[in-house]
Amino acid sequence: METMNFGEPQASQGENSAPEAPVGGTDGENGGNKGKKGLIWAGVGLEVLIAVVGGWQYWRYINSPYYKQMQAVKEFEKFYEDDNIGGKTPEETLALYIEAIKRGDIDSAIKYVGAGAAKEDIKSQLLEYKSLGKFQNYVDLLIKVKRSSDESLNWNPDDVLFEVLDARGKRVLAMYIYKAKNSVWKIREI
């Protein structure tokens, strides 16, 4: 049995020495390249998976009721920002509305009404008054509109109630006019 000497370098390699590692261009190097290529493909696969999952989540989000509601709110707010037709005071808005009504110009009158369902409701009511021959009665009633003396009926400082009272003090017509975001006054409801 032969002893191995670890402390001193051997002058020559004998029969029992370990084989030298292969140098360049052998199968060992190709095995390293295969590992690197596999890692690259795994990374690419992971990126594709992340993109697919992210795209799917985005698609679900833009088709969700929440997203659609938020888009509607943004459009509504944009309308308010762009809608600068109205008076600088509630009385001025009321006067502009009444002048348009006196001319029979419903489309112009409706521009002084705020956005939303009220605008369509008031327009359909005015068209009904015209078709029933009651439009002049409405004009005559509007001429009598006064700011309410009961401040407790105003919802907040940016809401003002205008009304017409009959001989017994019963309200015949009520109009709320409010200050919109862009500082113009609009009719909320009639």
C-alpha atoms as a PDB file:
ATOM      1  CA  MET A   1       0.000   0.000   0.000  1.00  0.00           C
ATOM      2  CA  GLU A   2       1.317   3.313  -0.900  1.00  0.00           C
ATOM      3  CA  THR A   3       1.158   6.373   1.347  1.00  0.00           C
ATOM      4  CA  MET A   4       0.187   9.766   0.143  1.00  0.00           C
ATOM      5  CA  ASN A   5       2.155  12.811   0.996  1.00  0.00           C
ATOM      6  CA  PHE A   6      -0.014  15.936   1.215  1.00  0.00           C
ATOM      7  CA  GLY A   7       2.624  18.340   2.457  1.00  0.00           C
ATOM      8  CA  GLU A   8       5.111  18.249  -0.381  1.00  0.00           C
ATOM      9  CA  PRO A   9       4.426  18.670  -4.057  1.00  0.00           C
ATOM     10  CA  GLN A  10       5.026  15.583  -6.097  1.00  0.00           C
ATOM     11  CA  ALA A  11       7.622  15.880  -8.743  1.00  0.00           C
ATOM     12  CA  SER A  12       5.933  13.566 -11.114  1.00  0.00           C
ATOM     13  CA  GLN A  13       2.537  12.072 -11.370  1.00  0.00           C
ATOM     14  CA  GLY A  14       2.414   8.421 -10.857  1.00  0.00           C
ATOM     15  CA  GLU A  15      -0.126   5.750 -11.446  1.00  0.00           C
ATOM     16  CA  ASN A  16      -2.208   6.606  -8.436  1.00  0.00           C
ATOM     17  CA  SER A  17      -2.612  10.329  -9.037  1.00  0.00           C
ATOM     18  CA  ALA A  18      -5.989  11.955  -9.784  1.00  0.00           C
ATOM     19  CA  PRO A  19      -6.797  12.800 -13.392  1.00  0.00           C
ATOM     20  CA  GLU A  20      -6.596  16.409 -14.451  1.00  0.00           C
ATOM     21  CA  ALA A  21      -9.763  18.381 -15.155  1.00  0.00           C
ATOM     22  CA  PRO A  22     -10.572  18.797 -18.844  1.00  0.00           C
ATOM     23  CA  VAL A  23      -9.521  22.096 -20.366  1.00  0.00           C
ATOM     24  CA  GLY A  24     -11.746  23.976 -22.906  1.00  0.00           C
ATOM     25  CA  GLY A  25     -14.032  22.581 -25.586  1.00  0.00           C
ATOM     26  CA  THR A  26     -15.143  19.449 -23.796  1.00  0.00           C
ATOM     27  CA  ASP A  27     -18.514  18.190 -22.639  1.00  0.00           C
ATOM     28  CA  GLY A  28     -18.200  19.945 -19.262  1.00  0.00           C
ATOM     29  CA  GLU A  29     -18.384  23.394 -20.852  1.00  0.00           C
ATOM     30  CA  ASN A  30     -21.428  22.479 -22.955  1.00  0.00           C
ATOM     31  CA  GLY A  31     -23.184  21.281 -19.810  1.00  0.00           C
ATOM     32  CA  GLY A  32     -22.666  24.760 -18.292  1.00  0.00           C
ATOM     33  CA  ASN A  33     -24.158  26.410 -21.399  1.00  0.00           C
ATOM     34  CA  LYS A  34     -27.186  24.128 -21.245  1.00  0.00           C
ATOM     35  CA  GLY A  35     -27.750  25.197 -17.637  1.00  0.00           C
ATOM     36  CA  LYS A  36     -27.491  28.874 -18.551  1.00  0.00           C
ATOM     37  CA  LYS A  37     -29.905  28.471 -21.475  1.00  0.00           C
ATOM     38  CA  GLY A  38     -32.362  26.647 -19.230  1.00  0.00           C
ATOM     39  CA  LEU A  39     -32.198  29.453 -16.696  1.00  0.00           C
ATOM     40  CA  ILE A  40     -32.782  32.068 -19.411  1.00  0.00           C
ATOM     41  CA  TRP A  41     -35.811  30.174 -20.721  1.00  0.00           C
ATOM     42  CA  ALA A  42     -37.175  29.806 -17.195  1.00  0.00           C
ATOM     43  CA  GLY A  43     -36.837  33.597 -16.735  1.00  0.00           C
ATOM     44  CA  VAL A  44     -38.563  34.266 -20.052  1.00  0.00           C
ATOM     45  CA  GLY A  45     -41.360  31.861 -19.084  1.00  0.00           C
ATOM     46  CA  LEU A  46     -41.767  33.596 -15.741  1.00  0.00           C
ATOM     47  CA  GLU A  47     -41.971  37.013 -17.430  1.00  0.00           C
ATOM     48  CA  VAL A  48     -44.604  35.719 -19.860  1.00  0.00           C
ATOM     49  CA  LEU A  49     -46.600  34.257 -16.974  1.00  0.00           C
ATOM     50  CA  ILE A  50     -46.445  37.555 -15.066  1.00  0.00           C
ATOM     51  CA  ALA A  51     -47.527  39.483 -18.192  1.00  0.00           C
ATOM     52  CA  VAL A  52     -50.458  37.117 -18.806  1.00  0.00           C
ATOM     53  CA  VAL A  53     -51.652  37.263 -15.196  1.00  0.00           C
ATOM     54  CA  GLY A  54     -51.209  41.065 -15.116  1.00  0.00           C
ATOM     55  CA  GLY A  55     -53.100  41.457 -18.403  1.00  0.00           C
ATOM     56  CA  TRP A  56     -55.893  39.228 -17.187  1.00  0.00           C
ATOM     57  CA  GLN A  57     -56.195  41.220 -13.930  1.00  0.00           C
ATOM     58  CA  TYR A  58     -56.235  44.500 -15.876  1.00  0.00           C
ATOM     59  CA  TRP A  59     -58.946  43.157 -18.203  1.00  0.00           C
ATOM     60  CA  ARG A  60     -61.038  42.112 -15.183  1.00  0.00           C
ATOM     61  CA  TYR A  61     -60.541  45.561 -13.621  1.00  0.00           C
ATOM     62  CA  ILE A  62     -61.610  47.610 -16.675  1.00  0.00           C
ATOM     63  CA  ASN A  63     -64.679  45.406 -17.087  1.00  0.00           C
ATOM     64  CA  SER A  64     -65.675  45.624 -13.436  1.00  0.00           C
ATOM     65  CA  PRO A  65     -68.715  47.612 -12.260  1.00  0.00           C
ATOM     66  CA  TYR A  66     -66.411  49.641  -9.989  1.00  0.00           C
ATOM     67  CA  TYR A  67     -64.270  50.814 -12.922  1.00  0.00           C
ATOM     68  CA  LYS A  68     -67.331  51.677 -15.009  1.00  0.00           C
ATOM     69  CA  GLN A  69     -68.831  53.630 -12.119  1.00  0.00           C
ATOM     70  CA  MET A  70     -65.583  55.552 -11.620  1.00  0.00           C
ATOM     71  CA  GLN A  71     -65.485  56.404 -15.338  1.00  0.00           C
ATOM     72  CA  ALA A  72     -69.060  57.695 -15.136  1.00  0.00           C
ATOM     73  CA  VAL A  73     -68.137  59.849 -12.127  1.00  0.00           C
ATOM     74  CA  LYS A  74     -65.130  61.260 -14.014  1.00  0.00           C
ATOM     75  CA  GLU A  75     -67.305  62.100 -17.024  1.00  0.00           C
ATOM     76  CA  PHE A  76     -69.884  63.715 -14.747  1.00  0.00           C
ATOM     77  CA  GLU A  77     -67.207  65.807 -12.996  1.00  0.00           C
ATOM     78  CA  LYS A  78     -65.722  66.784 -16.367  1.00  0.00           C
ATOM     79  CA  PHE A  79     -69.158  67.946 -17.464  1.00  0.00           C
ATOM     80  CA  TYR A  80     -69.418  70.128 -14.360  1.00  0.00           C
ATOM     81  CA  GLU A  81     -65.983  71.613 -15.012  1.00  0.00           C
ATOM     82  CA  ASP A  82     -66.887  72.400 -18.625  1.00  0.00           C
ATOM     83  CA  ASP A  83     -70.400  73.655 -17.830  1.00  0.00           C
ATOM     84  CA  ASN A  84     -69.927  77.351 -17.182  1.00  0.00           C
ATOM     85  CA  ILE A  85     -73.366  78.476 -18.335  1.00  0.00           C
ATOM     86  CA  GLY A  86     -75.131  80.195 -15.481  1.00  0.00           C
ATOM     87  CA  GLY A  87     -75.214  83.323 -13.421  1.00  0.00           C
ATOM     88  CA  LYS A  88     -72.761  84.640 -10.869  1.00  0.00           C
ATOM     89  CA  THR A  89     -75.628  84.766  -8.354  1.00  0.00           C
ATOM     90  CA  PRO A  90     -78.720  82.594  -7.922  1.00  0.00           C
ATOM     91  CA  GLU A  91     -80.907  85.559  -8.888  1.00  0.00           C
ATOM     92  CA  GLU A  92     -78.971  86.037 -12.128  1.00  0.00           C
ATOM     93  CA  THR A  93     -79.373  82.372 -13.073  1.00  0.00           C
ATOM     94  CA  LEU A  94     -83.093  82.578 -12.325  1.00  0.00           C
ATOM     95  CA  ALA A  95     -83.428  85.717 -14.483  1.00  0.00           C
ATOM     96  CA  LEU A  96     -81.558  84.059 -17.388  1.00  0.00           C
ATOM     97  CA  TYR A  97     -83.770  80.969 -17.121  1.00  0.00           C
ATOM     98  CA  ILE A  98     -86.968  83.045 -17.039  1.00  0.00           C
ATOM     99  CA  GLU A  99     -85.874  85.121 -20.061  1.00  0.00           C
ATOM    100  CA  ALA A 100     -85.251  81.957 -22.087  1.00  0.00           C
ATOM    101  CA  ILE A 101     -88.630  80.553 -20.999  1.00  0.00           C
ATOM    102  CA  LYS A 102     -90.397  83.812 -21.960  1.00  0.00           C
ATOM    103  CA  ARG A 103     -88.893  83.472 -25.447  1.00  0.00           C
ATOM    104  CA  GLY A 104     -90.112  79.867 -25.578  1.00  0.00           C
ATOM    105  CA  ASP A 105     -86.519  78.681 -26.011  1.00  0.00           C
ATOM    106  CA  ILE A 106     -86.527  75.471 -23.996  1.00  0.00           C
ATOM    107  CA  ASP A 107     -83.075  74.380 -25.173  1.00  0.00           C
ATOM    108  CA  SER A 108     -81.512  77.613 -23.909  1.00  0.00           C
ATOM    109  CA  ALA A 109     -83.465  77.474 -20.653  1.00  0.00           C
ATOM    110  CA  ILE A 110     -82.286  73.927 -19.957  1.00  0.00           C
ATOM    111  CA  LYS A 111     -78.652  75.096 -20.096  1.00  0.00           C
ATOM    112  CA  TYR A 112     -79.210  76.771 -16.715  1.00  0.00           C
ATOM    113  CA  VAL A 113     -80.245  73.465 -15.134  1.00  0.00           C
ATOM    114  CA  GLY A 114     -77.530  71.322 -13.566  1.00  0.00           C
ATOM    115  CA  ALA A 115     -76.483  67.999 -15.019  1.00  0.00           C
ATOM    116  CA  GLY A 116     -78.235  64.763 -14.318  1.00  0.00           C
ATOM    117  CA  ALA A 117     -81.768  63.492 -14.306  1.00  0.00           C
ATOM    118  CA  ALA A 118     -83.211  66.900 -13.332  1.00  0.00           C
ATOM    119  CA  LYS A 119     -82.180  68.347 -16.680  1.00  0.00           C
ATOM    120  CA  GLU A 120     -84.112  65.724 -18.646  1.00  0.00           C
ATOM    121  CA  ASP A 121     -87.063  65.798 -16.249  1.00  0.00           C
ATOM    122  CA  ILE A 122     -87.433  69.570 -16.515  1.00  0.00           C
ATOM    123  CA  LYS A 123     -87.064  69.502 -20.288  1.00  0.00           C
ATOM    124  CA  SER A 124     -89.757  66.849 -20.691  1.00  0.00           C
ATOM    125  CA  GLN A 125     -92.043  68.805 -18.333  1.00  0.00           C
ATOM    126  CA  LEU A 126     -91.567  72.000 -20.358  1.00  0.00           C
ATOM    127  CA  LEU A 127     -92.286  70.156 -23.603  1.00  0.00           C
ATOM    128  CA  GLU A 128     -95.432  68.720 -22.021  1.00  0.00           C
ATOM    129  CA  TYR A 129     -96.565  72.224 -20.953  1.00  0.00           C
ATOM    130  CA  LYS A 130     -96.124  73.368 -24.559  1.00  0.00           C
ATOM    131  CA  SER A 131     -98.019  70.413 -26.013  1.00  0.00           C
ATOM    132  CA  LEU A 132    -100.899  70.868 -23.528  1.00  0.00           C
ATOM    133  CA  GLY A 133    -101.078  74.632 -24.092  1.00  0.00           C
ATOM    134  CA  LYS A 134    -100.077  75.390 -20.484  1.00  0.00           C
ATOM    135  CA  PHE A 135     -96.735  76.991 -21.261  1.00  0.00           C
ATOM    136  CA  GLN A 136     -97.950  80.559 -20.755  1.00  0.00           C
ATOM    137  CA  ASN A 137     -99.362  79.594 -17.339  1.00  0.00           C
ATOM    138  CA  TYR A 138     -95.876  78.363 -16.395  1.00  0.00           C
ATOM    139  CA  VAL A 139     -94.318  81.621 -17.625  1.00  0.00           C
ATOM    140  CA  ASP A 140     -96.814  83.643 -15.580  1.00  0.00           C
ATOM    141  CA  LEU A 141     -96.009  81.578 -12.505  1.00  0.00           C
ATOM    142  CA  LEU A 142     -92.244  81.979 -12.975  1.00  0.00           C
ATOM    143  CA  ILE A 143     -92.585  85.771 -13.031  1.00  0.00           C
ATOM    144  CA  LYS A 144     -93.882  85.577  -9.435  1.00  0.00           C
ATOM    145  CA  VAL A 145     -90.929  83.563  -8.111  1.00  0.00           C
ATOM    146  CA  LYS A 146     -89.221  85.106  -5.057  1.00  0.00           C
ATOM    147  CA  ARG A 147     -86.356  84.032  -2.864  1.00  0.00           C
ATOM    148  CA  SER A 148     -87.687  82.182   0.183  1.00  0.00           C
ATOM    149  CA  SER A 149     -87.625  84.185   3.380  1.00  0.00           C
ATOM    150  CA  ASP A 150     -87.332  80.965   5.397  1.00  0.00           C
ATOM    151  CA  GLU A 151     -83.562  80.381   5.406  1.00  0.00           C
ATOM    152  CA  SER A 152     -84.037  77.064   7.247  1.00  0.00           C
ATOM    153  CA  LEU A 153     -85.325  75.594   3.966  1.00  0.00           C
ATOM    154  CA  ASN A 154     -81.969  76.113   2.265  1.00  0.00           C
ATOM    155  CA  TRP A 155     -79.921  72.899   2.332  1.00  0.00           C
ATOM    156  CA  ASN A 156     -76.613  74.701   2.756  1.00  0.00           C
ATOM    157  CA  PRO A 157     -75.086  78.121   1.973  1.00  0.00           C
ATOM    158  CA  ASP A 158     -74.623  77.116  -1.652  1.00  0.00           C
ATOM    159  CA  ASP A 159     -78.298  76.163  -2.103  1.00  0.00           C
ATOM    160  CA  VAL A 160     -81.041  78.771  -2.352  1.00  0.00           C
ATOM    161  CA  LEU A 161     -84.776  78.155  -2.459  1.00  0.00           C
ATOM    162  CA  PHE A 162     -87.010  80.270  -4.668  1.00  0.00           C
ATOM    163  CA  GLU A 163     -90.761  79.816  -4.423  1.00  0.00           C
ATOM    164  CA  VAL A 164     -94.195  81.036  -5.383  1.00  0.00           C
ATOM    165  CA  LEU A 165     -96.833  81.078  -2.653  1.00  0.00           C
ATOM    166  CA  ASP A 166    -100.566  81.268  -3.228  1.00  0.00           C
ATOM    167  CA  ALA A 167    -102.918  83.629  -1.334  1.00  0.00           C
ATOM    168  CA  ARG A 168    -103.103  81.203   1.607  1.00  0.00           C
ATOM    169  CA  GLY A 169     -99.303  80.915   1.867  1.00  0.00           C
ATOM    170  CA  LYS A 170     -99.181  77.447   0.321  1.00  0.00           C
ATOM    171  CA  ARG A 171     -96.180  76.784  -1.920  1.00  0.00           C
ATOM    172  CA  VAL A 172     -97.243  76.462  -5.554  1.00  0.00           C
ATOM    173  CA  LEU A 173     -93.769  76.313  -7.096  1.00  0.00           C
ATOM    174  CA  ALA A 174     -90.319  75.675  -5.612  1.00  0.00           C
ATOM    175  CA  MET A 175     -86.928  76.014  -7.305  1.00  0.00           C
ATOM    176  CA  TYR A 176     -83.592  75.132  -5.764  1.00  0.00           C
ATOM    177  CA  ILE A 177     -80.575  76.853  -7.253  1.00  0.00           C
ATOM    178  CA  TYR A 178     -77.098  75.749  -6.199  1.00  0.00           C
ATOM    179  CA  LYS A 179     -73.530  76.898  -6.640  1.00  0.00           C
ATOM    180  CA  ALA A 180     -71.665  74.466  -8.888  1.00  0.00           C
ATOM    181  CA  LYS A 181     -67.984  73.561  -8.571  1.00  0.00           C
ATOM    182  CA  ASN A 182     -67.002  76.139 -11.167  1.00  0.00           C
ATOM    183  CA  SER A 183     -68.753  78.923  -9.185  1.00  0.00           C
ATOM    184  CA  VAL A 184     -71.722  79.329 -11.512  1.00  0.00           C
ATOM    185  CA  TRP A 185     -75.219  78.935 -10.109  1.00  0.00           C
ATOM    186  CA  LYS A 186     -77.393  76.203 -11.639  1.00  0.00           C
ATOM    187  CA  ILE A 187     -80.999  75.124 -11.123  1.00  0.00           C
ATOM    188  CA  ARG A 188     -81.092  71.857  -9.171  1.00  0.00           C
ATOM    189  CA  GLU A 189     -84.804  71.160  -9.343  1.00  0.00           C
ATOM    190  CA  ILE A 190     -88.174  72.759  -9.996  1.00  0.00           C
END
